[in-house]
């Protein structure tokens, strides 16, 4: 079972229809990436992972650590790749705004444990 979905550099493993699996924020970020909006690269841990965590006394799936390691290298590599492909004058000659994108979670089920564990 896959627990981690990558998004960034114009590519997303998920999409906006996967709200139950990726949560509202994860599905929103994947869809924004898919349609070409400039979303910083990252990954989403699925709601199935949350279910596993809750059903197994606070233990994570065995494959989660490997998946996170694989996907956590992706944002850095994708960011470097994007930076090399950018055209135009140096940063001092144009305004560039970098930052995180926040999409409101409109899902029925919130996953507060994720914020507690990750933040």
Foldseek 3Di string as FASTA:
>chain_A
DDFKWKAALLATPEELVCCQWQFNFRNVRRNCSVVPHHAQIDMTGTVVQVVVCVVPVNDGDPCPVVNRVVRVVVRVVSVVVVVVPDDDDPCVVDPDDDDHDGDDGPDPDDRVVVVVVPD
